Amino acid sequence: MNNPAHTDKPLLDAIAKRWSPRAFSEREPTDDELELVFEAARWAPSCFNDQPWQYIVVRRGEPEYADAVAGLVAANQAWAGGAPVLGYSLARRAFSQTGKPNPHAWHDLGAASALLSIQAASIGMMVHQMAGIVADVVRERFAVPDELDVVAGLAIGWPGDPEQLPENYRARELAPRSRKDRAEMLVRFK
């Protein structure tokens, strides 16, 4: 399924095509395809070039896939358990060089995840990022070190048939995409 944005200005094709599906195809991404999208994340900008992000990545069929599903809230388990790849984004709280707190780590991780998502869209794959996770479950099941925050979940794959989703998700999948007006995000405070 294709669900391009109806933009006010001409955007890069991959940005206009990028969206967050809940229905995923059975098609498995190849190793090369996954390496490509994570290579884009690798080249994201970051404060002091610290690159404070890491990703947990699990393919359907691997023993850890059940652990990846368990780290999602029930509402996300209902649809994300059908994705061929599940993962989690992690942010290191301190700068690697100094050990001092990095207040920009989540921002930098967001930039990496955005580039990952755009690169995926450029080849027709999609990434659905999820705030609905249970970080303590992910930390325990994947032995995430204390110096890393478990930030978000990721479902990665090729868009699938919305008819495979429960009805409440199907309606959202088929709804037109929308965004706030540009004027709402361009503000000045005095």
Protein backbone atom coordinates (compact mmCIF):
# COMPACT_ATOMS: atom_id res chain seq x y z
CA MET A 1 0.00 0.00 0.00
CA ASN A 2 1.25 3.47 -0.85
CA ASN A 3 0.17 6.46 1.24
CA PRO A 4 2.15 9.51 0.05
CA ALA A 5 1.88 12.88 1.74
CA HIS A 6 0.02 15.66 -0.03
CA THR A 7 2.57 18.38 0.58
CA ASP A 8 2.35 22.13 0.07
CA LYS A 9 5.91 22.23 -1.28
CA PRO A 10 7.84 19.74 -3.41
CA LEU A 11 9.79 17.47 -1.06
CA LEU A 12 12.34 14.77 -1.68
CA ASP A 13 10.41 11.75 -2.90
CA ALA A 14 11.49 9.58 0.05
CA ILE A 15 10.20 12.17 2.54
CA ALA A 16 6.82 12.43 0.83
CA LYS A 17 6.53 8.62 0.66
CA ARG A 18 7.61 8.01 4.27
CA TRP A 19 4.77 6.99 6.55
CA SER A 20 4.18 4.65 9.47
CA PRO A 21 2.12 1.65 8.40
CA ARG A 22 0.72 -0.91 10.80
CA ALA A 23 0.16 -3.57 8.15
CA PHE A 24 3.31 -5.28 6.96
CA SER A 25 3.92 -7.68 4.13
CA GLU A 26 5.31 -11.16 4.72
CA ARG A 27 8.29 -10.12 2.58
CA GLU A 28 11.47 -10.22 4.64
CA PRO A 29 14.02 -7.43 4.18
CA THR A 30 17.36 -8.75 3.00
CA ASP A 31 20.51 -8.23 5.02
CA ASP A 32 21.63 -5.66 2.43
CA GLU A 33 18.36 -3.72 2.75
CA LEU A 34 18.60 -3.61 6.54
CA GLU A 35 22.27 -2.64 6.41
CA LEU A 36 21.35 0.17 4.00
CA VAL A 37 18.77 1.73 6.32
CA PHE A 38 21.04 1.48 9.34
CA GLU A 39 23.91 2.95 7.33
CA ALA A 40 21.74 6.05 6.91
CA ALA A 41 21.28 6.21 10.69
CA ARG A 42 25.05 5.91 11.13
CA TRP A 43 25.57 9.13 9.17
CA ALA A 44 23.12 11.28 11.15
CA PRO A 45 24.41 14.47 12.74
CA SER A 46 25.04 14.49 16.48
CA CYS A 47 26.35 16.81 19.17
CA PHE A 48 30.17 16.65 19.14
CA ASN A 49 29.78 13.76 16.64
CA ASP A 50 29.21 11.53 19.67
CA GLN A 51 26.66 9.32 17.90
CA PRO A 52 24.92 8.29 21.14
CA TRP A 53 22.51 5.85 19.49
CA GLN A 54 22.31 2.09 19.31
CA TYR A 55 19.58 -0.20 17.98
CA ILE A 56 18.33 -3.62 18.95
CA VAL A 57 17.20 -5.39 15.75
CA VAL A 58 15.39 -8.74 15.67
CA ARG A 59 13.98 -10.62 12.68
CA ARG A 60 10.77 -12.62 12.77
CA GLY A 61 11.76 -16.26 13.27
CA GLU A 62 14.69 -15.48 15.58
CA PRO A 63 14.28 -16.71 19.17
CA GLU A 64 14.45 -13.13 20.51
CA TYR A 65 11.46 -12.02 18.42
CA ALA A 66 9.07 -12.98 21.24
CA ASP A 67 11.15 -10.80 23.58
CA ALA A 68 10.87 -7.90 21.12
CA VAL A 69 7.08 -8.28 20.99
CA ALA A 70 6.93 -8.50 24.80
CA GLY A 71 8.58 -5.08 25.03
CA LEU A 72 5.61 -3.41 23.32
CA VAL A 73 2.42 -2.25 25.02
CA ALA A 74 -0.57 -4.48 24.24
CA ALA A 75 -2.03 -2.03 21.70
CA ASN A 76 1.17 -2.18 19.65
CA GLN A 77 1.55 -5.94 20.09
CA ALA A 78 -1.81 -6.30 18.31
CA TRP A 79 -0.34 -5.15 14.98
CA ALA A 80 3.46 -4.92 15.31
CA GLY A 81 3.82 -8.64 15.94
CA GLY A 82 3.24 -9.03 12.20
CA ALA A 83 6.28 -6.96 11.20
CA PRO A 84 9.21 -8.90 9.76
CA VAL A 85 11.68 -6.86 11.85
CA LEU A 86 11.21 -5.36 15.29
CA GLY A 87 13.67 -3.25 17.16
CA TYR A 88 14.33 -0.64 19.78
CA SER A 89 16.27 2.60 19.70
CA LEU A 90 18.63 3.33 22.57
CA ALA A 91 20.36 6.56 23.63
CA ARG A 92 23.54 6.78 25.71
CA ARG A 93 22.97 9.36 28.48
CA ALA A 94 26.58 10.57 28.75
CA PHE A 95 29.13 11.77 26.22
CA SER A 96 31.58 8.97 25.40
CA GLN A 97 34.62 11.29 25.57
CA THR A 98 33.92 13.08 28.85
CA GLY A 99 31.34 10.99 30.69
CA LYS A 100 29.36 14.19 31.29
CA PRO A 101 25.57 14.14 30.76
CA ASN A 102 24.50 14.53 27.13
CA PRO A 103 21.24 16.49 27.14
CA HIS A 104 21.04 16.09 23.35
CA ALA A 105 21.21 12.30 23.14
CA TRP A 106 17.51 11.77 22.44
CA HIS A 107 17.53 14.55 19.84
CA ASP A 108 20.51 12.94 18.11
CA LEU A 109 18.86 9.51 18.23
CA GLY A 110 15.75 11.09 16.68
CA ALA A 111 17.85 12.43 13.81
CA ALA A 112 19.35 8.98 13.26
CA SER A 113 15.93 7.33 13.32
CA ALA A 114 14.53 9.93 10.91
CA LEU A 115 17.31 9.27 8.41
CA LEU A 116 16.80 5.52 8.84
CA SER A 117 13.09 5.97 8.07
CA ILE A 118 13.71 8.16 5.02
CA GLN A 119 16.30 5.75 3.63
CA ALA A 120 13.84 2.89 4.11
CA ALA A 121 11.13 4.86 2.28
CA SER A 122 13.52 5.51 -0.61
CA ILE A 123 13.49 1.77 -1.39
CA GLY A 124 9.81 1.20 -0.55
CA MET A 125 10.34 -0.19 2.95
CA MET A 126 8.72 1.56 5.90
CA VAL A 127 9.47 2.07 9.59
CA HIS A 128 6.81 2.61 12.22
CA GLN A 129 8.35 4.14 15.33
CA MET A 130 6.49 3.51 18.58
CA ALA A 131 6.43 5.33 21.89
CA GLY A 132 4.19 2.56 23.25
CA ILE A 133 6.88 0.36 24.74
CA VAL A 134 7.66 -1.13 28.14
CA ALA A 135 11.24 -0.01 28.61
CA ASP A 136 11.86 -2.14 31.70
CA VAL A 137 10.84 -5.28 29.80
CA VAL A 138 13.17 -4.39 26.90
CA ARG A 139 16.00 -3.62 29.34
CA GLU A 140 15.57 -6.97 31.08
CA ARG A 141 14.99 -9.17 28.03
CA PHE A 142 17.90 -7.69 26.05
CA ALA A 143 20.23 -6.94 28.99
CA VAL A 144 20.41 -3.24 28.08
CA PRO A 145 23.14 -1.55 30.14
CA ASP A 146 22.12 1.11 32.65
CA GLU A 147 23.91 3.90 30.76
CA LEU A 148 21.45 3.56 27.86
CA ASP A 149 17.85 4.78 27.73
CA VAL A 150 15.35 2.57 25.89
CA VAL A 151 13.63 5.26 23.83
CA ALA A 152 11.28 3.82 21.18
CA GLY A 153 10.20 0.72 19.34
CA LEU A 154 10.60 0.16 15.60
CA ALA A 155 8.60 -2.06 13.24
CA ILE A 156 10.38 -2.40 9.90
CA GLY A 157 9.27 -3.99 6.66
CA TRP A 158 7.37 -3.64 3.43
CA PRO A 159 3.83 -2.22 3.64
CA GLY A 160 1.14 -4.87 3.63
CA ASP A 161 -2.60 -5.25 3.19
CA PRO A 162 -4.62 -3.17 5.71
CA GLU A 163 -7.33 -5.85 5.57
CA GLN A 164 -5.11 -8.03 7.76
CA LEU A 165 -5.40 -5.55 10.65
CA PRO A 166 -8.07 -5.45 13.37
CA GLU A 167 -10.85 -3.05 12.34
CA ASN A 168 -9.84 -0.15 14.62
CA TYR A 169 -6.32 -0.14 13.12
CA ARG A 170 -7.57 -0.67 9.57
CA ALA A 171 -9.48 2.61 9.66
CA ARG A 172 -6.36 4.50 10.79
CA GLU A 173 -4.27 2.79 8.13
CA LEU A 174 -6.61 3.90 5.36
CA ALA A 175 -7.20 7.44 6.64
CA PRO A 176 -5.65 10.34 4.70
CA ARG A 177 -2.39 11.59 6.15
CA SER A 178 -2.41 15.07 7.63
CA ARG A 179 -0.11 17.50 9.38
CA LYS A 180 -0.52 20.75 11.26
CA ASP A 181 -0.12 23.88 9.21
CA ARG A 182 3.47 25.11 8.84
CA ALA A 183 2.54 28.35 10.63
CA GLU A 184 1.80 26.37 13.79
CA MET A 185 5.37 25.10 14.04
CA LEU A 186 7.14 28.32 13.10
CA VAL A 187 6.71 30.36 16.25
CA ARG A 188 8.58 33.00 18.21
CA PHE A 189 8.33 33.48 21.94
CA LYS A 190 8.94 36.83 23.63
